Every structure is written in C-alpha cells, then in structure tokens.
Amino acid sequence: MGVLPHNGEGFNGSVGVLRDITEQKQYEQKLEVQNERLGEFASIVSHDLRNPLSVADGHLELARDATQSEHVKKASTAIDRCQALVEDLLMLAREGDRVEEPTPVALDEVAEQCWATAETGAATVQITATQPIEADESRLRQLVENLYRNAVEHGGAEVTVSVGEMDDGFYLADDGAGIPEAAREEVFEAGYSTADEGTGFGLRIVEEVAHAHGWEVAVTESAQGGARFEVTGVERAE
C-alpha cells in the first residue's frame, strides 16, 4: 500500500482548528462565569438599594405634602434616577444569557404593544413591519421599548418613530436630531448618555438583547436626518 506524501499542512491545519475550538470553549466558559457573577452582583445591589430607596421616597412623599421646597424636589428626582439605574443594571445583567429556543413573534404586534405602554408623550409611531420573526418575545420587547425611550429622550416629545423591515432584519428610525457619526459606536457603551434623564444603559441593553439572539445592531442616519437603528441577522418565522 502506497504512502501518501506528507507536507505537514494537513496536520498543522488540524492542530489549528483544535486550538481554535479549545480557545472558543474557554472563552465561552469564562463568559458564562462572568455573567453569573454579574447577575449575582446586580441582584445584591438591586435588593440592598431598593429597600432604602423606597423608604427614602416614602419619607420624601410626606415631606412634599408639608413643603414645596426645591430641595425636596431635587432629592426626589435623584431617588427616581437611582431607582431607574437599579432597574437598568438588573436588566443588563440578565441580558447576557443566550436565547436558546426562539419562537415565532409578530414584530408589528410587539411594536404596537410597546408603544402603548411606553412613556412617549406626544410622539407618534408608524409601523410597517408585517413579517413574524424568530425571537424571545419578552426580550424583544425590552429591545423595542429601550429604542422607543431613546428616541423620545433624544428626539424630543413630538418625535416620529418608524418601525420597518429590511432583507435580513428590521429597523427603528426617528426624525430627531440624529447621532453624530463619531459617536455611533460609543452609544452602545454602558453609562453613555447625552440626555440628563438617561441612565446610559438603554442602548447597551439593546445591544445585549440583540447579541443574545445572535443578531447585530448598528446605528446610522435615517431618511429624515434622525437616528436609525438596524438589527440584522434576524431569522424570519415560517
């Protein structure tokens, strides 16, 4: 039986593949441990902060009945912001887990329901998406709600938001001031916000939800000069 000539390429290639697989598994295990620790930390922070914040808010409510002091109003605003930060931190910690069993979800219905429950003021929405997608519905709601909130916070009370489809996903766009090109990657960083009332976690949560589904999210300019968030890699439901 003849012996095939060996030039080392096949062996080296196999070693390279095995090394890549090993490194990927190690990375996934490390990420899983980090997510667990972050989840535990967020739960502790949430539990230990919620109670004293609620107590403080209760006392301030009594103080508001007795005085109209600006100091009381500012303290109440600060407590509201702390409570929002706790909620966003807890949500962010939970969004690292990958979506393993997506189900068919009607994007248009989710978009309509989120708009009905979000604090959108005089803003308006136009929904043209019609195709159902494979997703975790509750987490998709978080993504959509955070993009709505971002549009209203940065686009103004009378901003118009549109939700539509692309070949490989969907988008949410607005006719607000838009996001400068130089800041379009920074907006997804935790803590980044240009709005006084923003926590800086909203778009980070959007990115985490997208990645948990295996999607990608990016921001560009809308046709009206505002912001357009594009979510790609989305699988259509049968």
Protein backbone atom coordinates (compact mmCIF):
# COMPACT_ATOMS: atom_id res chain seq x y z
CA MET A 1 0.00 0.00 0.00
CA GLY A 2 1.47 3.29 -1.02
CA VAL A 3 2.16 6.06 1.46
CA LEU A 4 0.77 9.47 0.70
CA PRO A 5 3.32 12.24 0.77
CA HIS A 6 3.02 14.44 3.83
CA ASN A 7 3.90 18.08 3.70
CA GLY A 8 2.67 18.96 7.19
CA GLU A 9 -0.15 21.21 6.03
CA GLY A 10 -2.98 18.85 6.95
CA PHE A 11 -1.60 18.14 10.42
CA ASN A 12 -0.90 21.76 11.17
CA GLY A 13 -4.34 22.68 9.91
CA SER A 14 -5.96 20.16 12.27
CA VAL A 15 -3.94 21.47 15.20
CA GLY A 16 -5.02 24.99 14.35
CA VAL A 17 -8.70 24.01 14.23
CA LEU A 18 -8.45 22.16 17.56
CA ARG A 19 -6.71 25.14 19.13
CA ASP A 20 -9.45 27.48 17.87
CA ILE A 21 -12.18 25.20 19.24
CA THR A 22 -10.43 24.94 22.63
CA GLU A 23 -9.96 28.69 22.85
CA GLN A 24 -13.62 29.25 21.91
CA LYS A 25 -14.80 26.85 24.64
CA GLN A 26 -12.55 28.51 27.19
CA TYR A 27 -13.88 31.90 26.19
CA GLU A 28 -17.50 30.70 26.46
CA GLN A 29 -16.85 29.20 29.91
CA LYS A 30 -15.17 32.39 31.10
CA LEU A 31 -18.05 34.46 29.75
CA GLU A 32 -20.57 32.22 31.48
CA VAL A 33 -18.78 32.65 34.82
CA GLN A 34 -18.63 36.42 34.32
CA ASN A 35 -22.34 36.56 33.50
CA GLU A 36 -23.18 34.55 36.62
CA ARG A 37 -21.09 36.86 38.79
CA LEU A 38 -22.61 39.94 37.19
CA GLY A 39 -26.09 38.54 37.75
CA GLU A 40 -25.35 37.83 41.42
CA PHE A 41 -23.84 41.29 41.87
CA ALA A 42 -26.79 43.01 40.21
CA SER A 43 -29.28 41.06 42.33
CA ILE A 44 -27.45 42.01 45.53
CA VAL A 45 -27.19 45.65 44.51
CA SER A 46 -30.83 45.67 43.48
CA HIS A 47 -32.01 44.11 46.76
CA ASP A 48 -29.81 46.25 49.01
CA LEU A 49 -30.63 49.50 47.25
CA ARG A 50 -34.33 49.08 46.56
CA ASN A 51 -35.40 48.95 50.22
CA PRO A 52 -33.61 52.09 51.47
CA LEU A 53 -34.57 53.96 48.31
CA SER A 54 -38.21 53.04 48.83
CA VAL A 55 -38.03 54.17 52.46
CA ALA A 56 -36.41 57.47 51.45
CA ASP A 57 -39.01 58.01 48.75
CA GLY A 58 -41.79 57.40 51.27
CA HIS A 59 -40.42 60.00 53.65
CA LEU A 60 -39.99 62.46 50.81
CA GLU A 61 -43.60 61.92 49.81
CA LEU A 62 -44.62 63.01 53.32
CA ALA A 63 -42.23 65.96 53.12
CA ARG A 64 -43.73 67.04 49.80
CA ASP A 65 -47.14 67.33 51.48
CA ALA A 66 -45.68 69.69 54.09
CA THR A 67 -43.41 71.85 51.93
CA GLN A 68 -42.80 72.88 48.35
CA SER A 69 -39.06 73.22 48.87
CA GLU A 70 -36.88 72.84 45.79
CA HIS A 71 -34.51 70.74 47.91
CA VAL A 72 -37.22 68.12 48.37
CA LYS A 73 -37.98 68.10 44.65
CA LYS A 74 -34.30 67.65 43.77
CA ALA A 75 -33.92 64.83 46.29
CA SER A 76 -36.97 63.10 44.85
CA THR A 77 -35.56 63.41 41.32
CA ALA A 78 -32.27 61.92 42.48
CA ILE A 79 -34.06 58.95 44.08
CA ASP A 80 -36.07 58.36 40.90
CA ARG A 81 -32.83 58.30 38.92
CA CYS A 82 -31.24 55.83 41.35
CA GLN A 83 -34.25 53.54 41.04
CA ALA A 84 -34.04 53.71 37.25
CA LEU A 85 -30.33 52.87 37.39
CA VAL A 86 -31.01 49.84 39.60
CA GLU A 87 -33.68 48.55 37.22
CA ASP A 88 -31.45 49.02 34.17
CA LEU A 89 -28.46 47.41 35.90
CA LEU A 90 -30.52 44.36 36.81
CA MET A 91 -31.93 44.11 33.29
CA LEU A 92 -28.47 44.46 31.75
CA ALA A 93 -27.10 41.65 33.92
CA ARG A 94 -29.87 39.32 32.77
CA GLU A 95 -29.46 40.01 29.07
CA GLY A 96 -26.14 38.17 28.70
CA ASP A 97 -27.80 34.75 28.53
CA ARG A 98 -28.17 33.45 25.00
CA VAL A 99 -31.64 32.82 23.59
CA GLU A 100 -31.76 29.05 23.06
CA GLU A 101 -35.38 28.49 22.00
CA PRO A 102 -36.78 31.42 19.99
CA THR A 103 -40.39 31.25 18.87
CA PRO A 104 -42.35 32.99 16.08
CA VAL A 105 -43.16 36.55 17.19
CA ALA A 106 -45.26 39.14 15.38
CA LEU A 107 -42.93 42.16 15.32
CA ASP A 108 -45.73 44.58 14.41
CA GLU A 109 -47.84 43.49 17.41
CA VAL A 110 -44.88 43.79 19.77
CA ALA A 111 -44.09 47.25 18.38
CA GLU A 112 -47.71 48.38 18.88
CA GLN A 113 -47.96 46.99 22.41
CA CYS A 114 -44.64 48.52 23.44
CA TRP A 115 -45.72 51.90 22.15
CA ALA A 116 -48.97 51.68 24.11
CA THR A 117 -47.14 51.09 27.39
CA ALA A 118 -44.06 53.29 26.89
CA GLU A 119 -43.93 56.91 28.06
CA THR A 120 -43.98 58.52 24.63
CA GLY A 121 -45.90 61.75 25.30
CA ALA A 122 -46.93 63.48 22.06
CA ALA A 123 -44.62 61.34 19.92
CA THR A 124 -46.07 59.25 17.10
CA VAL A 125 -45.18 55.86 15.62
CA GLN A 126 -45.51 54.38 12.12
CA ILE A 127 -45.28 50.59 11.93
CA THR A 128 -44.87 48.94 8.52
CA ALA A 129 -43.27 45.64 9.60
CA THR A 130 -45.52 42.68 8.79
CA GLN A 131 -43.35 39.52 8.81
CA PRO A 132 -43.08 37.48 12.05
CA ILE A 133 -39.57 36.73 13.27
CA GLU A 134 -37.88 34.10 15.45
CA ALA A 135 -37.22 35.68 18.85
CA ASP A 136 -37.74 35.59 22.60
CA GLU A 137 -40.79 37.83 22.88
CA SER A 138 -40.15 39.31 26.33
CA ARG A 139 -36.59 40.24 25.46
CA LEU A 140 -37.62 41.62 22.08
CA ARG A 141 -40.00 43.88 24.00
CA GLN A 142 -37.08 45.15 26.07
CA LEU A 143 -35.14 45.95 22.89
CA VAL A 144 -38.05 47.80 21.29
CA GLU A 145 -39.02 49.67 24.49
CA ASN A 146 -35.46 50.88 25.02
CA LEU A 147 -35.23 52.12 21.44
CA TYR A 148 -38.55 53.93 21.85
CA ARG A 149 -37.34 55.52 25.07
CA ASN A 150 -34.08 56.54 23.41
CA ALA A 151 -35.96 58.17 20.51
CA VAL A 152 -38.16 60.23 22.82
CA GLU A 153 -35.33 61.19 25.19
CA HIS A 154 -33.08 62.40 22.38
CA GLY A 155 -35.55 63.29 19.63
CA GLY A 156 -37.98 65.36 21.64
CA ALA A 157 -41.56 64.94 22.82
CA GLU A 158 -43.05 65.22 19.32
CA VAL A 159 -40.63 62.91 17.52
CA THR A 160 -41.97 60.47 14.93
CA VAL A 161 -40.68 56.90 15.14
CA SER A 162 -40.95 54.32 12.36
CA VAL A 163 -40.59 50.55 12.60
CA GLY A 164 -39.96 48.65 9.37
CA GLU A 165 -38.33 45.63 7.77
CA MET A 166 -35.09 45.01 5.92
CA ASP A 167 -33.96 41.96 3.96
CA ASP A 168 -32.14 40.47 6.94
CA GLY A 169 -33.82 42.17 9.87
CA PHE A 170 -35.72 45.25 10.98
CA TYR A 171 -35.11 48.88 11.93
CA LEU A 172 -36.40 51.60 14.24
CA ALA A 173 -35.82 55.12 12.95
CA ASP A 174 -36.81 58.62 14.04
CA ASP A 175 -36.82 62.19 12.73
CA GLY A 176 -34.95 63.66 15.68
CA ALA A 177 -31.52 65.28 15.84
CA GLY A 178 -29.68 62.07 14.96
CA ILE A 179 -26.36 60.74 16.28
CA PRO A 180 -23.02 62.12 15.03
CA GLU A 181 -21.04 59.55 13.07
CA ALA A 182 -18.12 59.79 15.51
CA ALA A 183 -20.37 58.74 18.41
CA ARG A 184 -22.23 55.86 16.77
CA GLU A 185 -20.13 53.16 18.39
CA GLU A 186 -19.91 54.88 21.76
CA VAL A 187 -23.69 55.00 22.20
CA PHE A 188 -23.74 51.26 22.96
CA GLU A 189 -21.25 51.58 25.82
CA ALA A 190 -22.65 51.21 29.33
CA GLY A 191 -23.10 54.58 31.01
CA TYR A 192 -23.00 56.63 27.80
CA SER A 193 -25.80 59.19 27.59
CA THR A 194 -26.24 62.75 26.38
CA ALA A 195 -29.68 63.18 27.97
CA ASP A 196 -29.96 64.47 31.54
CA GLU A 197 -32.68 61.95 32.39
CA GLY A 198 -30.98 59.00 30.69
CA THR A 199 -29.27 56.23 32.68
CA GLY A 200 -26.78 55.38 29.93
CA PHE A 201 -27.77 51.70 29.94
CA GLY A 202 -30.66 51.71 27.46
CA LEU A 203 -28.71 51.14 24.25
CA ARG A 204 -26.31 48.78 25.99
CA ILE A 205 -29.34 46.64 26.87
CA VAL A 206 -30.45 46.84 23.23
CA GLU A 207 -27.07 45.51 22.10
CA GLU A 208 -27.08 42.74 24.72
CA VAL A 209 -30.56 41.60 23.69
CA ALA A 210 -29.51 41.58 20.03
CA HIS A 211 -26.34 39.58 20.71
CA ALA A 212 -28.27 37.12 22.88
CA HIS A 213 -30.33 36.33 19.77
CA GLY A 214 -27.26 36.11 17.54
CA TRP A 215 -28.19 39.42 15.90
CA GLU A 216 -26.15 42.56 15.24
CA VAL A 217 -27.29 46.11 15.87
CA ALA A 218 -25.88 49.29 14.38
CA VAL A 219 -26.91 52.93 14.17
CA THR A 220 -26.88 55.14 11.12
CA GLU A 221 -28.78 58.18 9.82
CA SER A 222 -32.48 57.96 9.00
CA ALA A 223 -34.01 59.36 5.83
CA GLN A 224 -35.26 62.32 7.90
CA GLY A 225 -31.83 63.04 9.38
CA GLY A 226 -32.53 61.38 12.71
CA ALA A 227 -31.23 58.11 14.14
CA ARG A 228 -31.87 54.72 12.53
CA PHE A 229 -31.10 51.54 14.48
CA GLU A 230 -30.74 48.48 12.25
CA VAL A 231 -31.00 44.97 13.70
CA THR A 232 -29.63 42.34 11.31
CA GLY A 233 -29.09 38.59 11.23
CA VAL A 234 -32.75 38.07 12.14
CA GLU A 235 -34.44 34.85 11.05
CA ARG A 236 -37.94 35.06 9.58
CA ALA A 237 -40.56 32.78 11.11
CA GLU A 238 -42.26 30.27 8.85
